[in-house]
Amino acid sequence: MKTNKLQSGFSIIVILIIIAVIGVVGFLGYKAYDSTQSKVIESDEAAVLQPAVASDVPAAIEVTTTASLDEATAQLDGINLEDDADIVLLDSEVNKF
């Protein structure tokens, strides 16, 4: 059987080795990414699930006159609705009514 020595290209063994290396690198990269994401999720849950302390919540202003209504409005205007603690405070104040 004659063989042509001018043939060029990759053999099937070389292609399989390259695919195996790419697979291993991809798997290791995915595991590192997944591990980092789970740590981020755990730290976010720990930050959100901290118990509220009663001393952190100011006492509700009793609204009996227009002046006290203005004072309560000013206090509510200072609440940042992006902050979880302020949302809890607002909910507790609403529930008192």
PDB file of N, CA and C in Angstrom:
ATOM      1  N   MET A   1       0.831  -1.162   0.000  1.00  0.00           N
ATOM      2  CA  MET A   1       0.000   0.000   0.000  1.00  0.00           C
ATOM      3  C   MET A   1       0.885   1.237   0.000  1.00  0.00           C
ATOM      4  N   LYS A   2       0.572   2.154  -0.913  1.00  0.00           N
ATOM      5  CA  LYS A   2       1.359   3.378  -1.032  1.00  0.00           C
ATOM      6  C   LYS A   2       0.811   4.458  -0.102  1.00  0.00           C
ATOM      7  N   THR A   3       1.692   5.208   0.522  1.00  0.00           N
ATOM      8  CA  THR A   3       1.265   6.340   1.335  1.00  0.00           C
ATOM      9  C   THR A   3       1.814   7.604   0.729  1.00  0.00           C
ATOM     10  N   ASN A   4       1.031   8.616   0.792  1.00  0.00           N
ATOM     11  CA  ASN A   4       1.440   9.903   0.251  1.00  0.00           C
ATOM     12  C   ASN A   4       2.049  10.723   1.386  1.00  0.00           C
ATOM     13  N   LYS A   5       3.314  11.042   1.303  1.00  0.00           N
ATOM     14  CA  LYS A   5       3.991  11.774   2.367  1.00  0.00           C
ATOM     15  C   LYS A   5       3.668  13.257   2.321  1.00  0.00           C
ATOM     16  N   LEU A   6       2.940  13.710   1.331  1.00  0.00           N
ATOM     17  CA  LEU A   6       2.600  15.120   1.234  1.00  0.00           C
ATOM     18  C   LEU A   6       1.267  15.446   1.919  1.00  0.00           C
ATOM     19  N   GLN A   7       0.638  14.444   2.517  1.00  0.00           N
ATOM     20  CA  GLN A   7      -0.615  14.708   3.208  1.00  0.00           C
ATOM     21  C   GLN A   7      -0.355  15.615   4.407  1.00  0.00           C
ATOM     22  N   SER A   8      -1.286  16.553   4.605  1.00  0.00           N
ATOM     23  CA  SER A   8      -1.150  17.431   5.774  1.00  0.00           C
ATOM     24  C   SER A   8      -2.474  17.457   6.505  1.00  0.00           C
ATOM     25  N   GLY A   9      -2.459  17.930   7.750  1.00  0.00           N
ATOM     26  CA  GLY A   9      -3.673  17.990   8.554  1.00  0.00           C
ATOM     27  C   GLY A   9      -3.444  17.362   9.909  1.00  0.00           C
ATOM     28  N   PHE A  10      -4.519  17.334  10.678  1.00  0.00           N
ATOM     29  CA  PHE A  10      -4.433  16.777  12.028  1.00  0.00           C
ATOM     30  C   PHE A  10      -4.924  15.343  12.020  1.00  0.00           C
ATOM     31  N   SER A  11      -4.325  14.562  12.868  1.00  0.00           N
ATOM     32  CA  SER A  11      -4.825  13.192  13.010  1.00  0.00           C
ATOM     33  C   SER A  11      -5.994  13.206  13.991  1.00  0.00           C
ATOM     34  N   ILE A  12      -6.759  12.160  13.999  1.00  0.00           N
ATOM     35  CA  ILE A  12      -7.922  12.070  14.884  1.00  0.00           C
ATOM     36  C   ILE A  12      -7.499  12.083  16.351  1.00  0.00           C
ATOM     37  N   ILE A  13      -6.336  11.540  16.655  1.00  0.00           N
ATOM     38  CA  ILE A  13      -5.829  11.515  18.032  1.00  0.00           C
ATOM     39  C   ILE A  13      -5.546  12.938  18.517  1.00  0.00           C
ATOM     40  N   VAL A  14      -4.939  13.745  17.694  1.00  0.00           N
ATOM     41  CA  VAL A  14      -4.631  15.128  18.076  1.00  0.00           C
ATOM     42  C   VAL A  14      -5.919  15.906  18.302  1.00  0.00           C
ATOM     43  N   ILE A  15      -6.907  15.719  17.459  1.00  0.00           N
ATOM     44  CA  ILE A  15      -8.186  16.425  17.610  1.00  0.00           C
ATOM     45  C   ILE A  15      -8.879  15.997  18.902  1.00  0.00           C
ATOM     46  N   LEU A  16      -8.854  14.704  19.233  1.00  0.00           N
ATOM     47  CA  LEU A  16      -9.467  14.230  20.475  1.00  0.00           C
ATOM     48  C   LEU A  16      -8.758  14.781  21.706  1.00  0.00           C
ATOM     49  N   ILE A  17      -7.451  14.891  21.648  1.00  0.00           N
ATOM     50  CA  ILE A  17      -6.696  15.465  22.774  1.00  0.00           C
ATOM     51  C   ILE A  17      -7.060  16.933  22.956  1.00  0.00           C
ATOM     52  N   ILE A  18      -7.167  17.682  21.875  1.00  0.00           N
ATOM     53  CA  ILE A  18      -7.537  19.101  21.953  1.00  0.00           C
ATOM     54  C   ILE A  18      -8.940  19.255  22.533  1.00  0.00           C
ATOM     55  N   ILE A  19      -9.892  18.418  22.108  1.00  0.00           N
ATOM     56  CA  ILE A  19     -11.258  18.490  22.634  1.00  0.00           C
ATOM     57  C   ILE A  19     -11.266  18.150  24.120  1.00  0.00           C
ATOM     58  N   ALA A  20     -10.476  17.174  24.539  1.00  0.00           N
ATOM     59  CA  ALA A  20     -10.405  16.798  25.956  1.00  0.00           C
ATOM     60  C   ALA A  20      -9.838  17.944  26.795  1.00  0.00           C
ATOM     61  N   VAL A  21      -8.797  18.610  26.314  1.00  0.00           N
ATOM     62  CA  VAL A  21      -8.200  19.729  27.050  1.00  0.00           C
ATOM     63  C   VAL A  21      -9.201  20.878  27.168  1.00  0.00           C
ATOM     64  N   ILE A  22      -9.897  21.194  26.092  1.00  0.00           N
ATOM     65  CA  ILE A  22     -10.907  22.265  26.128  1.00  0.00           C
ATOM     66  C   ILE A  22     -12.025  21.899  27.114  1.00  0.00           C
ATOM     67  N   GLY A  23     -12.430  20.635  27.131  1.00  0.00           N
ATOM     68  CA  GLY A  23     -13.464  20.182  28.065  1.00  0.00           C
ATOM     69  C   GLY A  23     -13.041  20.317  29.510  1.00  0.00           C
ATOM     70  N   VAL A  24     -11.809  19.947  29.821  1.00  0.00           N
ATOM     71  CA  VAL A  24     -11.306  20.044  31.198  1.00  0.00           C
ATOM     72  C   VAL A  24     -11.206  21.503  31.626  1.00  0.00           C
ATOM     73  N   VAL A  25     -10.692  22.360  30.778  1.00  0.00           N
ATOM     74  CA  VAL A  25     -10.581  23.786  31.105  1.00  0.00           C
ATOM     75  C   VAL A  25     -11.965  24.409  31.290  1.00  0.00           C
ATOM     76  N   GLY A  26     -12.890  24.045  30.435  1.00  0.00           N
ATOM     77  CA  GLY A  26     -14.258  24.554  30.568  1.00  0.00           C
ATOM     78  C   GLY A  26     -14.914  24.086  31.853  1.00  0.00           C
ATOM     79  N   PHE A  27     -14.734  22.820  32.205  1.00  0.00           N
ATOM     80  CA  PHE A  27     -15.308  22.289  33.431  1.00  0.00           C
ATOM     81  C   PHE A  27     -14.733  22.993  34.656  1.00  0.00           C
ATOM     82  N   LEU A  28     -13.440  23.179  34.692  1.00  0.00           N
ATOM     83  CA  LEU A  28     -12.811  23.862  35.838  1.00  0.00           C
ATOM     84  C   LEU A  28     -13.272  25.317  35.928  1.00  0.00           C
ATOM     85  N   GLY A  29     -13.416  25.969  34.794  1.00  0.00           N
ATOM     86  CA  GLY A  29     -13.908  27.348  34.796  1.00  0.00           C
ATOM     87  C   GLY A  29     -15.332  27.431  35.303  1.00  0.00           C
ATOM     88  N   TYR A  30     -16.176  26.494  34.895  1.00  0.00           N
ATOM     89  CA  TYR A  30     -17.570  26.484  35.356  1.00  0.00           C
ATOM     90  C   TYR A  30     -17.639  26.247  36.862  1.00  0.00           C
ATOM     91  N   LYS A  31     -16.846  25.312  37.367  1.00  0.00           N
ATOM     92  CA  LYS A  31     -16.862  25.029  38.807  1.00  0.00           C
ATOM     93  C   LYS A  31     -16.400  26.250  39.609  1.00  0.00           C
ATOM     94  N   ALA A  32     -15.403  26.966  39.127  1.00  0.00           N
ATOM     95  CA  ALA A  32     -14.941  28.173  39.820  1.00  0.00           C
ATOM     96  C   ALA A  32     -16.029  29.239  39.799  1.00  0.00           C
ATOM     97  N   TYR A  33     -16.702  29.413  38.681  1.00  0.00           N
ATOM     98  CA  TYR A  33     -17.790  30.387  38.563  1.00  0.00           C
ATOM     99  C   TYR A  33     -18.949  30.018  39.483  1.00  0.00           C
ATOM    100  N   ASP A  34     -19.338  28.751  39.480  1.00  0.00           N
ATOM    101  CA  ASP A  34     -20.449  28.288  40.308  1.00  0.00           C
ATOM    102  C   ASP A  34     -20.139  28.463  41.792  1.00  0.00           C
ATOM    103  N   SER A  35     -18.920  28.172  42.174  1.00  0.00           N
ATOM    104  CA  SER A  35     -18.510  28.334  43.570  1.00  0.00           C
ATOM    105  C   SER A  35     -18.579  29.799  43.992  1.00  0.00           C
ATOM    106  N   THR A  36     -18.134  30.685  43.131  1.00  0.00           N
ATOM    107  CA  THR A  36     -18.168  32.123  43.435  1.00  0.00           C
ATOM    108  C   THR A  36     -19.607  32.611  43.538  1.00  0.00           C
ATOM    109  N   GLN A  37     -20.475  32.161  42.644  1.00  0.00           N
ATOM    110  CA  GLN A  37     -21.869  32.583  42.675  1.00  0.00           C
ATOM    111  C   GLN A  37     -22.577  32.107  43.937  1.00  0.00           C
ATOM    112  N   SER A  38     -22.299  30.901  44.387  1.00  0.00           N
ATOM    113  CA  SER A  38     -22.953  30.402  45.596  1.00  0.00           C
ATOM    114  C   SER A  38     -22.480  31.169  46.823  1.00  0.00           C
ATOM    115  N   LYS A  39     -21.215  31.589  46.843  1.00  0.00           N
ATOM    116  CA  LYS A  39     -20.716  32.401  47.964  1.00  0.00           C
ATOM    117  C   LYS A  39     -21.387  33.767  47.980  1.00  0.00           C
ATOM    118  N   VAL A  40     -21.604  34.352  46.811  1.00  0.00           N
ATOM    119  CA  VAL A  40     -22.268  35.654  46.719  1.00  0.00           C
ATOM    120  C   VAL A  40     -23.713  35.540  47.191  1.00  0.00           C
ATOM    121  N   ILE A  41     -24.401  34.490  46.783  1.00  0.00           N
ATOM    122  CA  ILE A  41     -25.795  34.298  47.182  1.00  0.00           C
ATOM    123  C   ILE A  41     -25.893  34.091  48.687  1.00  0.00           C
ATOM    124  N   GLU A  42     -24.986  33.306  49.265  1.00  0.00           N
ATOM    125  CA  GLU A  42     -24.993  33.072  50.711  1.00  0.00           C
ATOM    126  C   GLU A  42     -24.742  34.364  51.478  1.00  0.00           C
ATOM    127  N   SER A  43     -23.828  35.209  50.995  1.00  0.00           N
ATOM    128  CA  SER A  43     -23.546  36.456  51.705  1.00  0.00           C
ATOM    129  C   SER A  43     -24.716  37.425  51.580  1.00  0.00           C
ATOM    130  N   ASP A  44     -25.415  37.426  50.431  1.00  0.00           N
ATOM    131  CA  ASP A  44     -26.593  38.271  50.273  1.00  0.00           C
ATOM    132  C   ASP A  44     -27.708  37.824  51.215  1.00  0.00           C
ATOM    133  N   GLU A  45     -27.906  36.505  51.344  1.00  0.00           N
ATOM    134  CA  GLU A  45     -28.946  35.995  52.231  1.00  0.00           C
ATOM    135  C   GLU A  45     -28.624  36.318  53.676  1.00  0.00           C
ATOM    136  N   ALA A  46     -27.363  36.244  54.042  1.00  0.00           N
ATOM    137  CA  ALA A  46     -26.983  36.544  55.417  1.00  0.00           C
ATOM    138  C   ALA A  46     -27.222  38.014  55.732  1.00  0.00           C
ATOM    139  N   ALA A  47     -27.000  38.885  54.754  1.00  0.00           N
ATOM    140  CA  ALA A  47     -27.201  40.314  54.977  1.00  0.00           C
ATOM    141  C   ALA A  47     -28.679  40.647  55.085  1.00  0.00           C
ATOM    142  N   VAL A  48     -29.524  39.978  54.313  1.00  0.00           N
ATOM    143  CA  VAL A  48     -30.949  40.279  54.298  1.00  0.00           C
ATOM    144  C   VAL A  48     -31.653  39.672  55.505  1.00  0.00           C
ATOM    145  N   LEU A  49     -31.217  38.504  55.968  1.00  0.00           N
ATOM    146  CA  LEU A  49     -31.926  37.784  57.001  1.00  0.00           C
ATOM    147  C   LEU A  49     -31.508  38.141  58.421  1.00  0.00           C
ATOM    148  N   GLN A  50     -30.820  39.257  58.602  1.00  0.00           N
ATOM    149  CA  GLN A  50     -30.461  39.656  59.949  1.00  0.00           C
ATOM    150  C   GLN A  50     -31.711  40.101  60.686  1.00  0.00           C
ATOM    151  N   PRO A  51     -31.873  39.683  61.938  1.00  0.00           N
ATOM    152  CA  PRO A  51     -33.091  40.037  62.675  1.00  0.00           C
ATOM    153  C   PRO A  51     -33.141  41.535  62.988  1.00  0.00           C
ATOM    154  N   ALA A  52     -34.351  42.061  62.981  1.00  0.00           N
ATOM    155  CA  ALA A  52     -34.541  43.473  63.312  1.00  0.00           C
ATOM    156  C   ALA A  52     -34.513  43.636  64.824  1.00  0.00           C
ATOM    157  N   VAL A  53     -33.937  44.710  65.264  1.00  0.00           N
ATOM    158  CA  VAL A  53     -33.869  45.015  66.689  1.00  0.00           C
ATOM    159  C   VAL A  53     -34.838  46.157  66.955  1.00  0.00           C
ATOM    160  N   ALA A  54     -35.627  46.021  68.005  1.00  0.00           N
ATOM    161  CA  ALA A  54     -36.655  47.013  68.296  1.00  0.00           C
ATOM    162  C   ALA A  54     -36.064  48.400  68.534  1.00  0.00           C
ATOM    163  N   SER A  55     -34.855  48.463  69.044  1.00  0.00           N
ATOM    164  CA  SER A  55     -34.250  49.769  69.312  1.00  0.00           C
ATOM    165  C   SER A  55     -33.860  50.493  68.025  1.00  0.00           C
ATOM    166  N   ASP A  56     -33.776  49.760  66.905  1.00  0.00           N
ATOM    167  CA  ASP A  56     -33.431  50.388  65.632  1.00  0.00           C
ATOM    168  C   ASP A  56     -34.603  51.156  65.028  1.00  0.00           C
ATOM    169  N   VAL A  57     -35.816  50.834  65.452  1.00  0.00           N
ATOM    170  CA  VAL A  57     -37.014  51.440  64.869  1.00  0.00           C
ATOM    171  C   VAL A  57     -37.481  52.579  65.775  1.00  0.00           C
ATOM    172  N   PRO A  58     -37.549  53.802  65.247  1.00  0.00           N
ATOM    173  CA  PRO A  58     -38.016  54.912  66.083  1.00  0.00           C
ATOM    174  C   PRO A  58     -39.513  54.774  66.369  1.00  0.00           C
ATOM    175  N   ALA A  59     -39.922  55.370  67.448  1.00  0.00           N
ATOM    176  CA  ALA A  59     -41.333  55.306  67.836  1.00  0.00           C
ATOM    177  C   ALA A  59     -42.175  56.070  66.812  1.00  0.00           C
ATOM    178  N   ALA A  60     -43.394  55.602  66.625  1.00  0.00           N
ATOM    179  CA  ALA A  60     -44.303  56.240  65.674  1.00  0.00           C
ATOM    180  C   ALA A  60     -44.809  57.554  66.244  1.00  0.00           C
ATOM    181  N   ILE A  61     -44.949  58.519  65.374  1.00  0.00           N
ATOM    182  CA  ILE A  61     -45.491  59.816  65.769  1.00  0.00           C
ATOM    183  C   ILE A  61     -47.009  59.693  65.761  1.00  0.00           C
ATOM    184  N   GLU A  62     -47.630  60.086  66.856  1.00  0.00           N
ATOM    185  CA  GLU A  62     -49.083  60.045  66.922  1.00  0.00           C
ATOM    186  C   GLU A  62     -49.629  61.277  66.224  1.00  0.00           C
ATOM    187  N   VAL A  63     -50.456  61.067  65.242  1.00  0.00           N
ATOM    188  CA  VAL A  63     -50.993  62.154  64.430  1.00  0.00           C
ATOM    189  C   VAL A  63     -52.362  62.542  64.990  1.00  0.00           C
ATOM    190  N   THR A  64     -52.399  63.717  65.626  1.00  0.00           N
ATOM    191  CA  THR A  64     -53.671  64.206  66.165  1.00  0.00           C
ATOM    192  C   THR A  64     -54.005  65.591  65.635  1.00  0.00           C
ATOM    193  N   THR A  65     -52.987  66.313  65.192  1.00  0.00           N
ATOM    194  CA  THR A  65     -53.214  67.665  64.665  1.00  0.00           C
ATOM    195  C   THR A  65     -52.513  67.796  63.325  1.00  0.00           C
ATOM    196  N   THR A  66     -52.769  68.916  62.663  1.00  0.00           N
ATOM    197  CA  THR A  66     -52.091  69.145  61.386  1.00  0.00           C
ATOM    198  C   THR A  66     -50.595  69.309  61.584  1.00  0.00           C
ATOM    199  N   ALA A  67     -50.195  69.869  62.691  1.00  0.00           N
ATOM    200  CA  ALA A  67     -48.756  70.034  62.947  1.00  0.00           C
ATOM    201  C   ALA A  67     -48.081  68.669  63.094  1.00  0.00           C
ATOM    202  N   SER A  68     -48.743  67.753  63.807  1.00  0.00           N
ATOM    203  CA  SER A  68     -48.151  66.421  63.953  1.00  0.00           C
ATOM    204  C   SER A  68     -48.204  65.654  62.628  1.00  0.00           C
ATOM    205  N   LEU A  69     -49.217  65.949  61.803  1.00  0.00           N
ATOM    206  CA  LEU A  69     -49.268  65.338  60.472  1.00  0.00           C
ATOM    207  C   LEU A  69     -48.107  65.837  59.613  1.00  0.00           C
ATOM    208  N   ASP A  70     -47.803  67.111  59.691  1.00  0.00           N
ATOM    209  CA  ASP A  70     -46.658  67.668  58.953  1.00  0.00           C
ATOM    210  C   ASP A  70     -45.352  67.045  59.444  1.00  0.00           C
ATOM    211  N   GLU A  71     -45.247  66.840  60.753  1.00  0.00           N
ATOM    212  CA  GLU A  71     -44.037  66.231  61.312  1.00  0.00           C
ATOM    213  C   GLU A  71     -43.895  64.786  60.831  1.00  0.00           C
ATOM    214  N   ALA A  72     -45.005  64.045  60.800  1.00  0.00           N
ATOM    215  CA  ALA A  72     -44.971  62.663  60.327  1.00  0.00           C
ATOM    216  C   ALA A  72     -44.634  62.607  58.843  1.00  0.00           C
ATOM    217  N   THR A  73     -45.174  63.554  58.071  1.00  0.00           N
ATOM    218  CA  THR A  73     -44.879  63.614  56.645  1.00  0.00           C
ATOM    219  C   THR A  73     -43.397  63.883  56.409  1.00  0.00           C
ATOM    220  N   ALA A  74     -42.834  64.790  57.188  1.00  0.00           N
ATOM    221  CA  ALA A  74     -41.403  65.100  57.057  1.00  0.00           C
ATOM    222  C   ALA A  74     -40.558  63.881  57.390  1.00  0.00           C
ATOM    223  N   GLN A  75     -40.970  63.119  58.410  1.00  0.00           N
ATOM    224  CA  GLN A  75     -40.216  61.917  58.776  1.00  0.00           C
ATOM    225  C   GLN A  75     -40.316  60.868  57.665  1.00  0.00           C
ATOM    226  N   LEU A  76     -41.494  60.703  57.077  1.00  0.00           N
ATOM    227  CA  LEU A  76     -41.658  59.735  55.996  1.00  0.00           C
ATOM    228  C   LEU A  76     -40.927  60.160  54.731  1.00  0.00           C
ATOM    229  N   ASP A  77     -40.810  61.454  54.503  1.00  0.00           N
ATOM    230  CA  ASP A  77     -40.077  61.930  53.327  1.00  0.00           C
ATOM    231  C   ASP A  77     -38.593  61.595  53.414  1.00  0.00           C
ATOM    232  N   GLY A  78     -38.079  61.416  54.616  1.00  0.00           N
ATOM    233  CA  GLY A  78     -36.665  61.092  54.801  1.00  0.00           C
ATOM    234  C   GLY A  78     -36.358  59.619  54.650  1.00  0.00           C
ATOM    235  N   ILE A  79     -37.377  58.799  54.373  1.00  0.00           N
ATOM    236  CA  ILE A  79     -37.164  57.356  54.257  1.00  0.00           C
ATOM    237  C   ILE A  79     -36.669  57.027  52.855  1.00  0.00           C
ATOM    238  N   ASN A  80     -35.621  56.226  52.801  1.00  0.00           N
ATOM    239  CA  ASN A  80     -35.063  55.747  51.537  1.00  0.00           C
ATOM    240  C   ASN A  80     -35.677  54.379  51.240  1.00  0.00           C
ATOM    241  N   LEU A  81     -36.548  54.304  50.234  1.00  0.00           N
ATOM    242  CA  LEU A  81     -37.239  53.061  49.942  1.00  0.00           C
ATOM    243  C   LEU A  81     -36.337  52.010  49.299  1.00  0.00           C
ATOM    244  N   GLU A  82     -35.105  52.346  48.995  1.00  0.00           N
ATOM    245  CA  GLU A  82     -34.154  51.366  48.471  1.00  0.00           C
ATOM    246  C   GLU A  82     -33.494  50.595  49.607  1.00  0.00           C
ATOM    247  N   ASP A  83     -33.631  51.085  50.823  1.00  0.00           N
ATOM    248  CA  ASP A  83     -33.004  50.463  51.986  1.00  0.00           C
ATOM    249  C   ASP A  83     -34.009  49.521  52.644  1.00  0.00           C
ATOM    250  N   ASP A  84     -33.621  48.269  52.869  1.00  0.00           N
ATOM    251  CA  ASP A  84     -34.528  47.278  53.442  1.00  0.00           C
ATOM    252  C   ASP A  84     -35.007  47.671  54.833  1.00  0.00           C
ATOM    253  N   ALA A  85     -34.141  48.281  55.617  1.00  0.00           N
ATOM    254  CA  ALA A  85     -34.526  48.669  56.975  1.00  0.00           C
ATOM    255  C   ALA A  85     -35.631  49.715  56.930  1.00  0.00           C
ATOM    256  N   ASP A  86     -35.555  50.642  55.972  1.00  0.00           N
ATOM    257  CA  ASP A  86     -36.585  51.672  55.857  1.00  0.00           C
ATOM    258  C   ASP A  86     -37.908  51.086  55.375  1.00  0.00           C
ATOM    259  N   ILE A  87     -37.855  50.068  54.550  1.00  0.00           N
ATOM    260  CA  ILE A  87     -39.085  49.423  54.087  1.00  0.00           C
ATOM    261  C   ILE A  87     -39.772  48.732  55.262  1.00  0.00           C
ATOM    262  N   VAL A  88     -38.990  48.059  56.108  1.00  0.00           N
ATOM    263  CA  VAL A  88     -39.550  47.396  57.287  1.00  0.00           C
ATOM    264  C   VAL A  88     -40.162  48.433  58.216  1.00  0.00           C
ATOM    265  N   LEU A  89     -39.480  49.557  58.389  1.00  0.00           N
ATOM    266  CA  LEU A  89     -39.994  50.625  59.231  1.00  0.00           C
ATOM    267  C   LEU A  89     -41.306  51.154  58.674  1.00  0.00           C
ATOM    268  N   LEU A  90     -41.372  51.390  57.390  1.00  0.00           N
ATOM    269  CA  LEU A  90     -42.576  51.899  56.761  1.00  0.00           C
ATOM    270  C   LEU A  90     -43.727  50.915  56.895  1.00  0.00           C
ATOM    271  N   ASP A  91     -43.445  49.628  56.694  1.00  0.00           N
ATOM    272  CA  ASP A  91     -44.485  48.617  56.842  1.00  0.00           C
ATOM    273  C   ASP A  91     -45.019  48.562  58.268  1.00  0.00           C
ATOM    274  N   SER A  92     -44.125  48.672  59.240  1.00  0.00           N
ATOM    275  CA  SER A  92     -44.583  48.623  60.621  1.00  0.00           C
ATOM    276  C   SER A  92     -45.421  49.836  60.968  1.00  0.00           C
ATOM    277  N   GLU A  93     -45.082  50.991  60.400  1.00  0.00           N
ATOM    278  CA  GLU A  93     -45.870  52.199  60.653  1.00  0.00           C
ATOM    279  C   GLU A  93     -47.244  52.100  59.996  1.00  0.00           C
ATOM    280  N   VAL A  94     -47.303  51.543  58.809  1.00  0.00           N
ATOM    281  CA  VAL A  94     -48.576  51.390  58.116  1.00  0.00           C
ATOM    282  C   VAL A  94     -49.472  50.419  58.873  1.00  0.00           C
ATOM    283  N   ASN A  95     -48.889  49.353  59.405  1.00  0.00           N
ATOM    284  CA  ASN A  95     -49.665  48.351  60.130  1.00  0.00           C
ATOM    285  C   ASN A  95     -50.249  48.902  61.428  1.00  0.00           C
ATOM    286  N   LYS A  96     -49.682  49.958  61.965  1.00  0.00           N
ATOM    287  CA  LYS A  96     -50.208  50.555  63.196  1.00  0.00           C
ATOM    288  C   LYS A  96     -51.507  51.302  62.955  1.00  0.00           C
ATOM    289  N   PHE A  97     -51.755  51.701  61.694  1.00  0.00           N
ATOM    290  CA  PHE A  97     -52.986  52.417  61.398  1.00  0.00           C
ATOM    291  C   PHE A  97     -54.056  51.436  61.222  1.00  0.00           C
TER     292      PHE A  97
END
